[in-house]
Amino acid sequence: MKWITREHVKVDRVACPWLIRKFVDGEAEFIFVAADQVVAQARKLGAIPYDINGCELGHHGEDVSFNSILKKYNLTEPALVLLGEIVRAADSHPTQPHPAGEGLRWIAFGFSALGLSDHEILEREFIVYDALYAECQRRVTPAPR
């Protein structure tokens, strides 16, 4: 499937492709265009829009697009839910932000400052999400007795 969003990716627009590739569509193709072109290009290309105003897989209330994808695809694993809290805190301003969100925000903006293309950012930053997910798994797994 093709997935489309705004160019110049940062937190949610990197976290979502990581989530999609790992848990929804391992062969996903990601397209990045100017914000005002997302809807038209989605129609033209038959792509699924995410992280744009008014779309199903966008921000709703305090939820960010990552949370919307978790809900749409019934991804309820506790480690993914925890990761969703971190992404939410990094990408928006929830009433009870997870403390790890600020560090993730710094990392995302740091990757953006490197002058890489959107696809290069995905390629390099996915390992960060792999590591965060591993730590989330560790934190939600009960210690052996």
Protein backbone atom coordinates (compact mmCIF):
# COMPACT_ATOMS: atom_id res chain seq x y z
CA MET A 1 0.00 0.00 0.00
CA LYS A 2 0.99 3.61 -0.48
CA TRP A 3 0.85 6.02 2.45
CA ILE A 4 1.10 9.79 2.07
CA THR A 5 1.71 12.74 4.36
CA ARG A 6 3.37 16.13 4.60
CA GLU A 7 7.04 16.52 3.80
CA HIS A 8 9.73 17.55 6.32
CA VAL A 9 9.05 14.70 8.74
CA LYS A 10 9.56 14.90 12.46
CA VAL A 11 8.10 12.94 15.39
CA ASP A 12 4.70 11.57 14.34
CA ARG A 13 5.56 11.41 10.64
CA VAL A 14 8.52 9.15 11.47
CA ALA A 15 6.81 7.14 14.21
CA CYS A 16 3.83 6.32 11.97
CA PRO A 17 5.88 4.84 9.12
CA TRP A 18 7.85 2.78 11.67
CA LEU A 19 4.57 1.47 13.15
CA ILE A 20 3.05 0.81 9.74
CA ARG A 21 6.11 -1.08 8.45
CA LYS A 22 6.45 -3.17 11.62
CA PHE A 23 2.81 -3.97 12.39
CA VAL A 24 0.46 -3.03 9.53
CA ASP A 25 2.13 -3.24 6.11
CA GLY A 26 5.68 -4.54 5.81
CA GLU A 27 5.85 -3.46 2.16
CA ALA A 28 4.47 0.06 2.73
CA GLU A 29 5.63 2.82 0.40
CA PHE A 30 5.79 6.30 1.93
CA ILE A 31 5.23 9.46 -0.08
CA PHE A 32 5.96 12.96 1.21
CA VAL A 33 4.53 16.05 -0.47
CA ALA A 34 3.73 19.67 0.33
CA ALA A 35 0.92 19.95 2.89
CA ASP A 36 -1.50 21.48 0.39
CA GLN A 37 -0.94 18.55 -2.02
CA VAL A 38 -1.58 15.60 0.30
CA VAL A 39 -5.31 15.18 -0.35
CA ALA A 40 -5.07 15.55 -4.14
CA GLN A 41 -2.04 13.26 -4.40
CA ALA A 42 -3.69 10.68 -2.12
CA ARG A 43 -6.65 10.52 -4.50
CA LYS A 44 -4.45 10.46 -7.59
CA LEU A 45 -2.13 7.73 -6.26
CA GLY A 46 -4.66 5.73 -4.25
CA ALA A 47 -2.57 6.38 -1.14
CA ILE A 48 -3.70 6.43 2.48
CA PRO A 49 -3.25 9.88 4.03
CA TYR A 50 -1.97 10.20 7.59
CA ASP A 51 -0.99 13.00 9.94
CA ILE A 52 -2.88 15.75 8.12
CA ASN A 53 -5.81 17.80 9.36
CA GLY A 54 -9.18 16.13 8.99
CA CYS A 55 -8.01 12.64 8.06
CA GLU A 56 -8.94 9.44 9.88
CA LEU A 57 -5.31 8.68 10.75
CA GLY A 58 -4.60 12.15 12.09
CA HIS A 59 -4.77 13.96 15.41
CA HIS A 60 -8.04 13.58 17.35
CA GLY A 61 -8.34 15.20 20.75
CA GLU A 62 -5.10 14.49 22.57
CA ASP A 63 -4.30 11.54 20.31
CA VAL A 64 -1.67 11.95 17.62
CA SER A 65 -1.62 10.02 14.35
CA PHE A 66 0.39 7.17 15.91
CA ASN A 67 -2.46 6.64 18.40
CA SER A 68 -5.03 6.77 15.57
CA ILE A 69 -3.17 4.01 13.73
CA LEU A 70 -2.98 1.92 16.92
CA LYS A 71 -6.77 2.21 17.27
CA LYS A 72 -7.65 1.67 13.59
CA TYR A 73 -5.57 -1.51 13.35
CA ASN A 74 -6.43 -2.74 16.86
CA LEU A 75 -2.79 -2.71 17.98
CA THR A 76 -3.20 -3.09 21.73
CA GLU A 77 0.11 -4.59 22.83
CA PRO A 78 1.07 -2.75 26.06
CA ALA A 79 4.54 -1.85 24.75
CA LEU A 80 3.02 -0.19 21.66
CA VAL A 81 0.49 1.66 23.82
CA LEU A 82 3.36 2.94 26.00
CA LEU A 83 5.31 3.96 22.90
CA GLY A 84 2.18 5.79 21.75
CA GLU A 85 2.20 7.79 24.99
CA ILE A 86 5.81 8.78 24.36
CA VAL A 87 5.11 9.78 20.75
CA ARG A 88 2.06 11.78 21.88
CA ALA A 89 4.18 13.65 24.45
CA ALA A 90 6.88 14.36 21.86
CA ASP A 91 4.51 15.49 19.12
CA SER A 92 1.86 17.45 21.01
CA HIS A 93 1.10 18.87 24.42
CA PRO A 94 -1.10 16.34 26.27
CA THR A 95 -2.37 17.09 29.75
CA GLN A 96 -0.22 14.31 31.21
CA PRO A 97 2.86 13.97 29.00
CA HIS A 98 5.14 10.97 29.33
CA PRO A 99 8.57 12.19 30.51
CA ALA A 100 10.42 10.38 27.69
CA GLY A 101 8.57 12.52 25.13
CA GLU A 102 10.86 15.50 25.50
CA GLY A 103 13.94 13.41 24.68
CA LEU A 104 12.22 11.95 21.61
CA ARG A 105 11.30 15.47 20.49
CA TRP A 106 14.97 16.50 20.74
CA ILE A 107 16.05 13.47 18.72
CA ALA A 108 13.45 14.13 16.02
CA PHE A 109 14.42 17.78 15.67
CA GLY A 110 18.08 16.77 15.64
CA PHE A 111 17.52 14.44 12.70
CA SER A 112 15.63 17.23 10.95
CA ALA A 113 18.60 19.57 11.48
CA LEU A 114 20.96 17.18 9.67
CA GLY A 115 19.61 18.24 6.27
CA LEU A 116 18.57 14.72 5.26
CA SER A 117 15.70 13.85 2.93
CA ASP A 118 12.51 12.51 4.48
CA HIS A 119 13.33 8.97 3.32
CA GLU A 120 16.87 9.24 4.73
CA ILE A 121 15.42 10.32 8.08
CA LEU A 122 13.13 7.28 8.12
CA GLU A 123 16.00 4.99 7.22
CA ARG A 124 18.23 6.32 9.99
CA GLU A 125 15.67 7.05 12.69
CA PHE A 126 13.79 3.72 12.57
CA ILE A 127 16.55 2.25 14.76
CA VAL A 128 15.61 4.81 17.42
CA TYR A 129 12.04 3.52 17.38
CA ASP A 130 13.29 -0.08 17.46
CA ALA A 131 15.25 0.82 20.61
CA LEU A 132 12.34 2.71 22.19
CA TYR A 133 10.01 -0.19 21.47
CA ALA A 134 12.48 -2.65 23.04
CA GLU A 135 12.66 -0.49 26.16
CA CYS A 136 8.86 -0.19 26.25
CA GLN A 137 8.64 -3.99 26.05
CA ARG A 138 11.11 -4.31 28.91
CA ARG A 139 9.19 -1.84 31.06
CA VAL A 140 5.78 -3.44 30.58
CA THR A 141 6.99 -7.04 31.02
CA PRO A 142 6.68 -8.23 34.59
CA ALA A 143 9.96 -9.25 36.22
CA PRO A 144 10.33 -13.01 36.72
CA ARG A 145 9.69 -14.21 40.25
